[in-house]
Amino acid sequence: MKIGILTSGGDCPGLNAVIRGIVLKGTTSYDLEFVGIRDGWRGVVEGDFVPLTRHEVKGLSKVGGTILGTSRTNPYEGDRGGAENIAKTLFGHRIDGIVAIGGEGTLAAADRLSKDGIKVVGVPKTIDNDLRATDYSFGFDTAVNIATEAMDRLRTTGDSHQRCMVAEVMGRHVGWIALHAGMAAGAHAILIPENPMSLDEITALVQSAHDRGRAPLVVVSEGFKLKGMEEAFSDKGLDAFNRPRLGGISEILAPEIERITGIETRSTVLGHIQRGGSPSAFDRVLATRLGLHAADAIVDEAWGEMVALRGTDIVRVPFSDALGELNTVPQYRYDEAAALFG
């Protein structure tokens, strides 16, 4: 059996470890043959395949990014897109199925292709940790560690100048990175998409911390909305799936905090730093385990399903379980953190 592997959507630490896990177990335990698909769904549509053997994946567990490249291509767009054309392309290269490693957009495309007759197994990937079918996704732990270290550094410079520091982290629809990194760094306010707040509420927390002699640290998810805002802040246009490219809410909040409180305030957008570099030990292990179980799923012909983490076990779930409703931060988890604010 010949299987194509792709990584699609945003890159994140751990992608290469998944690829390595699939190829090593698939070739040594099941005598499967693999090809790499370049740049996500673009490579499927255009037939851009490369050999993927044990030699190509050696030493990959610690390497960040993805050796296959990635994109946000919609496989149903373009002259060569759509399930019928893709089936012809795969048949021409004697490829029997696809392992799609990606987040919500990637898995939605995989689900649609699966329903249209393409054999696909999924592996969930998102640093946002917003897929409800898996307890944790690889890349999240690394992103939290990177954000926490950055905030620790911001706190030292903030303390030196008695400034308020506003740190913006990723999180389009959910605030898991902000919540975990903010708690770890001792933030005085954590602003997430699930809990809109007013400027008065935010500045009250900042003022409270300042009055106690602290240099306030505010952590905000890129998808956070002030009360009264209908959409998250975006001035960067749309991606290939017509979703707004977010980023910059901290640069809106910082001058307003300074204006209202009189406290000198600076903003820092961590951006793609959170997605780069080597994966943490936790993410290396999780990504590798998901890859190993994806190889099992191929042999069992569990098409239309993805591997996922439940507790400490790797299980299989239908694509539909990962789509639609996001894994949002529950109110009780936010309330835990809120007890430390101000």
Protein backbone atom coordinates (compact mmCIF):
# COMPACT_ATOMS: atom_id res chain seq x y z
CA MET A 1 0.00 0.00 0.00
CA LYS A 2 1.32 3.44 -0.96
CA ILE A 3 0.34 6.39 1.23
CA GLY A 4 0.86 10.13 0.80
CA ILE A 5 1.55 12.31 3.84
CA LEU A 6 0.81 16.04 3.93
CA THR A 7 1.02 18.87 6.42
CA SER A 8 -1.41 21.72 5.86
CA GLY A 9 -2.38 25.02 7.45
CA GLY A 10 -0.15 26.80 9.96
CA ASP A 11 3.14 25.14 10.83
CA CYS A 12 3.86 24.14 14.42
CA PRO A 13 6.47 22.25 16.43
CA GLY A 14 5.93 18.49 16.25
CA LEU A 15 4.90 18.09 12.61
CA ASN A 16 8.16 16.39 11.69
CA ALA A 17 7.87 14.04 14.66
CA VAL A 18 4.47 12.88 13.36
CA ILE A 19 5.90 12.26 9.90
CA ARG A 20 8.79 10.30 11.42
CA GLY A 21 6.44 8.18 13.57
CA ILE A 22 4.21 7.28 10.62
CA VAL A 23 7.07 6.38 8.29
CA LEU A 24 9.11 4.39 10.81
CA LYS A 25 6.24 2.20 11.97
CA GLY A 26 4.63 1.98 8.56
CA THR A 27 7.81 0.78 6.85
CA THR A 28 9.21 -1.47 9.58
CA SER A 29 6.01 -3.03 10.96
CA TYR A 30 3.69 -3.03 7.95
CA ASP A 31 5.91 -2.74 4.85
CA LEU A 32 4.00 0.33 3.69
CA GLU A 33 5.40 2.73 1.10
CA PHE A 34 5.19 6.49 1.64
CA VAL A 35 5.49 9.64 -0.42
CA GLY A 36 5.61 13.15 0.89
CA ILE A 37 3.11 15.64 -0.50
CA ARG A 38 4.64 19.09 -0.83
CA ASP A 39 2.91 22.15 0.58
CA GLY A 40 -0.27 20.58 1.89
CA TRP A 41 -3.33 20.33 -0.32
CA ARG A 42 -1.52 22.24 -3.09
CA GLY A 43 0.69 19.20 -3.59
CA VAL A 44 -2.34 16.92 -3.80
CA VAL A 45 -4.00 19.10 -6.42
CA GLU A 46 -0.84 19.57 -8.48
CA GLY A 47 0.59 16.07 -8.03
CA ASP A 48 3.74 17.31 -6.29
CA PHE A 49 5.07 14.18 -4.56
CA VAL A 50 8.50 13.13 -3.27
CA PRO A 51 9.77 9.79 -1.93
CA LEU A 52 9.57 9.49 1.86
CA THR A 53 11.67 6.69 3.29
CA ARG A 54 13.31 5.95 6.61
CA HIS A 55 16.37 7.89 5.41
CA GLU A 56 14.38 11.12 4.92
CA VAL A 57 12.89 11.05 8.43
CA LYS A 58 15.97 10.24 10.52
CA GLY A 59 16.49 12.58 13.47
CA LEU A 60 13.30 14.55 12.78
CA SER A 61 11.63 14.34 16.20
CA LYS A 62 13.52 17.39 17.48
CA VAL A 63 13.26 19.48 14.31
CA GLY A 64 10.67 22.26 14.16
CA GLY A 65 8.57 23.22 11.15
CA THR A 66 7.77 20.66 8.47
CA ILE A 67 10.10 19.10 5.90
CA LEU A 68 7.14 18.76 3.52
CA GLY A 69 6.18 22.42 3.53
CA THR A 70 2.67 23.69 4.12
CA SER A 71 0.05 26.02 2.67
CA ARG A 72 -3.54 27.08 3.19
CA THR A 73 -4.69 25.82 -0.21
CA ASN A 74 -8.33 24.79 -0.60
CA PRO A 75 -8.28 21.40 -2.45
CA TYR A 76 -11.65 22.11 -4.04
CA GLU A 77 -10.48 25.26 -5.82
CA GLY A 78 -8.69 25.62 -9.15
CA ASP A 79 -8.84 23.72 -12.44
CA ARG A 80 -7.28 20.60 -10.92
CA GLY A 81 -9.13 20.74 -7.62
CA GLY A 82 -12.11 18.71 -6.45
CA ALA A 83 -12.46 15.08 -5.43
CA GLU A 84 -12.80 13.70 -8.96
CA ASN A 85 -9.60 15.35 -10.20
CA ILE A 86 -7.72 14.46 -7.03
CA ALA A 87 -8.78 10.81 -7.35
CA LYS A 88 -7.35 10.74 -10.88
CA THR A 89 -4.09 12.31 -9.71
CA LEU A 90 -3.69 9.82 -6.86
CA PHE A 91 -4.51 6.89 -9.15
CA GLY A 92 -1.95 8.07 -11.69
CA HIS A 93 0.74 8.00 -9.01
CA ARG A 94 -0.56 4.72 -7.54
CA ILE A 95 -1.25 6.37 -4.19
CA ASP A 96 -3.86 4.46 -2.18
CA GLY A 97 -4.61 6.98 0.57
CA ILE A 98 -3.59 10.16 2.36
CA VAL A 99 -2.58 11.05 5.91
CA ALA A 100 -3.60 14.68 6.46
CA ILE A 101 -1.89 16.42 9.39
CA GLY A 102 -3.53 19.72 10.22
CA GLY A 103 -6.03 21.78 12.14
CA GLU A 104 -9.69 22.63 11.71
CA GLY A 105 -9.42 23.85 8.11
CA THR A 106 -7.30 20.89 7.03
CA LEU A 107 -9.54 18.36 8.74
CA ALA A 108 -12.67 19.97 7.30
CA ALA A 109 -11.19 19.54 3.81
CA ALA A 110 -10.17 15.96 4.70
CA ASP A 111 -13.70 15.21 5.91
CA ARG A 112 -15.24 16.54 2.70
CA LEU A 113 -12.80 14.59 0.52
CA SER A 114 -13.40 11.45 2.56
CA LYS A 115 -17.13 11.74 2.02
CA ASP A 116 -16.42 12.18 -1.69
CA GLY A 117 -14.53 8.90 -1.85
CA ILE A 118 -10.91 9.82 -1.14
CA LYS A 119 -9.24 7.61 1.47
CA VAL A 120 -7.96 9.89 4.24
CA VAL A 121 -6.70 9.40 7.81
CA GLY A 122 -6.28 12.51 9.93
CA VAL A 123 -3.82 13.69 12.59
CA PRO A 124 -4.92 16.80 14.56
CA LYS A 125 -2.52 19.72 14.73
CA THR A 126 -3.05 23.15 16.27
CA ILE A 127 -1.08 25.24 18.71
CA ASP A 128 -4.40 26.87 19.70
CA ASN A 129 -5.61 23.56 21.23
CA ASP A 130 -9.06 24.33 19.82
CA LEU A 131 -10.04 20.91 18.43
CA ARG A 132 -12.64 19.36 20.72
CA ALA A 133 -11.99 15.76 19.62
CA THR A 134 -8.58 15.63 21.30
CA ASP A 135 -7.67 16.59 24.86
CA TYR A 136 -4.43 18.23 23.74
CA SER A 137 -2.84 18.77 20.36
CA PHE A 138 0.90 18.84 19.77
CA GLY A 139 2.44 22.27 19.36
CA PHE A 140 0.34 23.73 22.18
CA ASP A 141 2.79 22.87 24.95
CA THR A 142 5.71 24.35 22.99
CA ALA A 143 3.76 27.53 22.22
CA VAL A 144 2.89 27.96 25.90
CA ASN A 145 6.52 27.47 26.92
CA ILE A 146 7.71 30.02 24.36
CA ALA A 147 5.04 32.54 25.38
CA THR A 148 5.80 32.05 29.08
CA GLU A 149 9.51 32.67 28.59
CA ALA A 150 8.76 35.82 26.57
CA MET A 151 6.43 37.10 29.30
CA ASP A 152 9.03 36.42 31.98
CA ARG A 153 11.37 38.66 30.00
CA LEU A 154 8.69 41.31 29.54
CA ARG A 155 8.09 41.35 33.29
CA THR A 156 11.73 42.12 34.06
CA THR A 157 11.83 45.10 31.71
CA GLY A 158 8.39 46.18 32.92
CA ASP A 159 9.58 46.05 36.53
CA SER A 160 12.62 48.16 35.65
CA HIS A 161 10.51 50.98 34.24
CA GLN A 162 7.26 50.43 36.19
CA ARG A 163 5.50 50.01 32.87
CA CYS A 164 2.42 48.04 31.99
CA MET A 165 3.29 45.37 29.42
CA VAL A 166 0.65 43.96 27.06
CA ALA A 167 1.65 40.63 25.51
CA GLU A 168 -0.38 39.34 22.56
CA VAL A 169 -0.40 35.60 21.88
CA MET A 170 -2.08 33.43 19.28
CA GLY A 171 -5.63 32.19 19.72
CA ARG A 172 -8.13 32.95 16.97
CA HIS A 173 -11.26 31.62 18.66
CA VAL A 174 -10.04 30.18 21.97
CA GLY A 175 -7.79 31.41 24.74
CA TRP A 176 -5.87 28.32 25.86
CA ILE A 177 -2.41 29.72 25.12
CA ALA A 178 -3.20 32.99 26.88
CA LEU A 179 -4.73 31.18 29.85
CA HIS A 180 -1.86 28.75 30.41
CA ALA A 181 0.99 31.14 29.62
CA GLY A 182 -0.67 33.95 31.55
CA MET A 183 -1.09 31.81 34.66
CA ALA A 184 2.47 30.53 34.37
CA ALA A 185 3.88 34.05 34.02
CA GLY A 186 1.72 35.55 36.80
CA ALA A 187 -0.29 37.89 34.56
CA HIS A 188 -2.49 40.50 36.23
CA ALA A 189 -5.13 40.21 33.48
CA ILE A 190 -5.78 37.53 30.86
CA LEU A 191 -8.02 38.52 27.96
CA ILE A 192 -9.45 35.70 25.85
CA PRO A 193 -12.07 35.40 23.07
CA GLU A 194 -14.47 33.49 25.33
CA ASN A 195 -14.73 36.38 27.84
CA PRO A 196 -15.18 39.85 26.33
CA MET A 197 -14.28 42.66 28.75
CA SER A 198 -14.63 46.42 28.72
CA LEU A 199 -11.77 48.89 28.85
CA ASP A 200 -12.97 49.96 32.31
CA GLU A 201 -12.68 46.37 33.59
CA ILE A 202 -9.22 45.93 32.08
CA THR A 203 -7.86 49.24 33.34
CA ALA A 204 -9.25 48.55 36.83
CA LEU A 205 -7.13 45.39 36.99
CA VAL A 206 -4.09 47.25 35.66
CA GLN A 207 -4.55 50.06 38.19
CA SER A 208 -5.00 47.59 41.04
CA ALA A 209 -1.71 45.86 40.24
CA HIS A 210 0.07 49.20 39.84
CA ASP A 211 -1.27 50.48 43.16
CA ARG A 212 0.31 47.45 44.85
CA GLY A 213 3.67 48.44 43.44
CA ARG A 214 3.65 45.93 40.58
CA ALA A 215 4.40 46.48 36.92
CA PRO A 216 1.16 45.15 35.37
CA LEU A 217 1.30 42.34 32.81
CA VAL A 218 -1.70 41.93 30.53
CA VAL A 219 -1.93 38.85 28.28
CA VAL A 220 -4.35 38.98 25.36
CA SER A 221 -5.34 36.43 22.69
CA GLU A 222 -5.30 37.74 19.14
CA GLY A 223 -9.02 36.90 18.88
CA PHE A 224 -10.07 38.84 22.00
CA LYS A 225 -12.95 41.27 21.57
CA LEU A 226 -13.76 44.24 23.77
CA LYS A 227 -17.38 44.42 24.85
CA GLY A 228 -19.28 45.99 21.99
CA MET A 229 -16.90 44.71 19.27
CA GLU A 230 -18.66 42.47 16.78
CA GLU A 231 -15.51 41.02 15.20
CA ALA A 232 -11.96 40.39 16.37
CA PHE A 233 -9.47 43.04 15.27
CA SER A 234 -7.99 42.42 11.82
CA ASP A 235 -6.33 44.65 9.25
CA LYS A 236 -4.42 41.98 7.32
CA GLY A 237 -7.07 40.74 4.87
CA LEU A 238 -8.35 37.17 4.42
CA ASP A 239 -6.65 33.78 4.11
CA ALA A 240 -7.38 31.08 1.50
CA PHE A 241 -10.41 29.93 3.49
CA ASN A 242 -11.79 33.50 3.68
CA ARG A 243 -10.98 33.83 7.39
CA PRO A 244 -9.64 37.18 8.66
CA ARG A 245 -5.93 37.22 9.43
CA LEU A 246 -5.85 38.33 13.04
CA GLY A 247 -3.23 40.20 15.03
CA GLY A 248 -2.71 43.64 16.52
CA ILE A 249 -5.34 43.89 19.28
CA SER A 250 -2.56 44.58 21.81
CA GLU A 251 -1.55 47.64 19.81
CA ILE A 252 -5.11 48.92 20.16
CA LEU A 253 -5.30 48.20 23.90
CA ALA A 254 -1.92 49.56 25.01
CA PRO A 255 -2.49 53.26 24.16
CA GLU A 256 -5.99 53.11 25.64
CA ILE A 257 -4.67 51.63 28.90
CA GLU A 258 -2.05 54.37 29.07
CA ARG A 259 -4.60 57.08 28.27
CA ILE A 260 -7.04 55.96 30.95
CA THR A 261 -4.60 55.03 33.74
CA GLY A 262 -1.67 57.32 33.01
CA ILE A 263 0.63 54.30 33.33
CA GLU A 264 3.25 54.04 30.59
CA THR A 265 2.23 50.99 28.53
CA ARG A 266 3.96 48.96 25.83
CA SER A 267 2.63 46.19 23.58
CA THR A 268 4.41 43.14 22.19
CA VAL A 269 2.96 40.81 19.56
CA LEU A 270 4.66 37.42 19.90
CA GLY A 271 3.23 36.20 16.60
CA HIS A 272 5.02 33.45 14.72
CA ILE A 273 7.72 33.07 17.37
CA GLN A 274 5.21 30.79 19.11
CA ARG A 275 5.13 28.43 16.12
CA GLY A 276 8.85 28.21 15.45
CA GLY A 277 11.74 26.27 16.89
CA SER A 278 12.14 22.81 18.36
CA PRO A 279 9.16 21.10 20.01
CA SER A 280 9.09 20.50 23.75
CA ALA A 281 9.63 16.99 25.10
CA PHE A 282 5.87 16.64 25.68
CA ASP A 283 5.10 17.60 22.10
CA ARG A 284 7.77 15.29 20.69
CA VAL A 285 6.29 12.33 22.53
CA LEU A 286 2.65 13.20 21.72
CA ALA A 287 3.39 13.85 18.04
CA THR A 288 5.37 10.62 17.73
CA ARG A 289 2.59 8.58 19.38
CA LEU A 290 0.00 10.10 17.05
CA GLY A 291 2.18 9.17 14.08
CA LEU A 292 2.58 5.59 15.27
CA HIS A 293 -1.16 5.19 15.72
CA ALA A 294 -1.84 6.82 12.34
CA ALA A 295 0.18 4.01 10.76
CA ASP A 296 -2.04 1.50 12.59
CA ALA A 297 -5.14 3.31 11.33
CA ILE A 298 -3.92 3.03 7.73
CA VAL A 299 -3.48 -0.73 8.01
CA ASP A 300 -6.90 -1.06 9.67
CA GLU A 301 -8.35 1.07 6.82
CA ALA A 302 -9.89 3.49 9.30
CA TRP A 303 -10.54 6.01 6.53
CA GLY A 304 -12.55 9.07 7.51
CA GLU A 305 -11.16 8.95 11.06
CA MET A 306 -8.40 10.73 12.91
CA VAL A 307 -6.19 9.77 15.83
CA ALA A 308 -6.64 11.78 19.03
CA LEU A 309 -5.49 11.99 22.65
CA ARG A 310 -8.02 11.03 25.32
CA GLY A 311 -6.52 11.17 28.79
CA THR A 312 -3.19 9.43 28.17
CA ASP A 313 -4.51 7.09 25.46
CA ILE A 314 -4.51 7.51 21.70
CA VAL A 315 -7.93 6.75 20.20
CA ARG A 316 -9.67 7.13 16.83
CA VAL A 317 -12.60 9.44 16.21
CA PRO A 318 -14.57 10.47 13.10
CA PHE A 319 -13.52 13.72 11.44
CA SER A 320 -16.94 15.13 12.31
CA ASP A 321 -16.06 14.96 16.03
CA ALA A 322 -13.28 17.49 15.48
CA LEU A 323 -15.37 19.93 13.46
CA GLY A 324 -18.12 22.41 14.18
CA GLU A 325 -17.88 23.02 17.91
CA LEU A 326 -14.50 24.25 19.14
CA ASN A 327 -12.67 23.27 22.31
CA THR A 328 -13.22 26.55 24.12
CA VAL A 329 -11.98 27.55 27.56
CA PRO A 330 -14.75 26.66 30.04
CA GLN A 331 -15.86 29.36 32.44
CA TYR A 332 -14.62 27.50 35.51
CA ARG A 333 -11.08 27.39 34.09
CA TYR A 334 -11.14 31.11 33.44
CA ASP A 335 -12.51 31.76 36.92
CA GLU A 336 -9.55 29.86 38.38
CA ALA A 337 -7.15 32.23 36.67
CA ALA A 338 -9.27 35.31 37.42
CA ALA A 339 -8.73 34.75 41.15
CA LEU A 340 -5.11 35.85 40.51
CA PHE A 341 -5.90 39.02 38.53
CA GLY A 342 -5.25 42.59 39.62
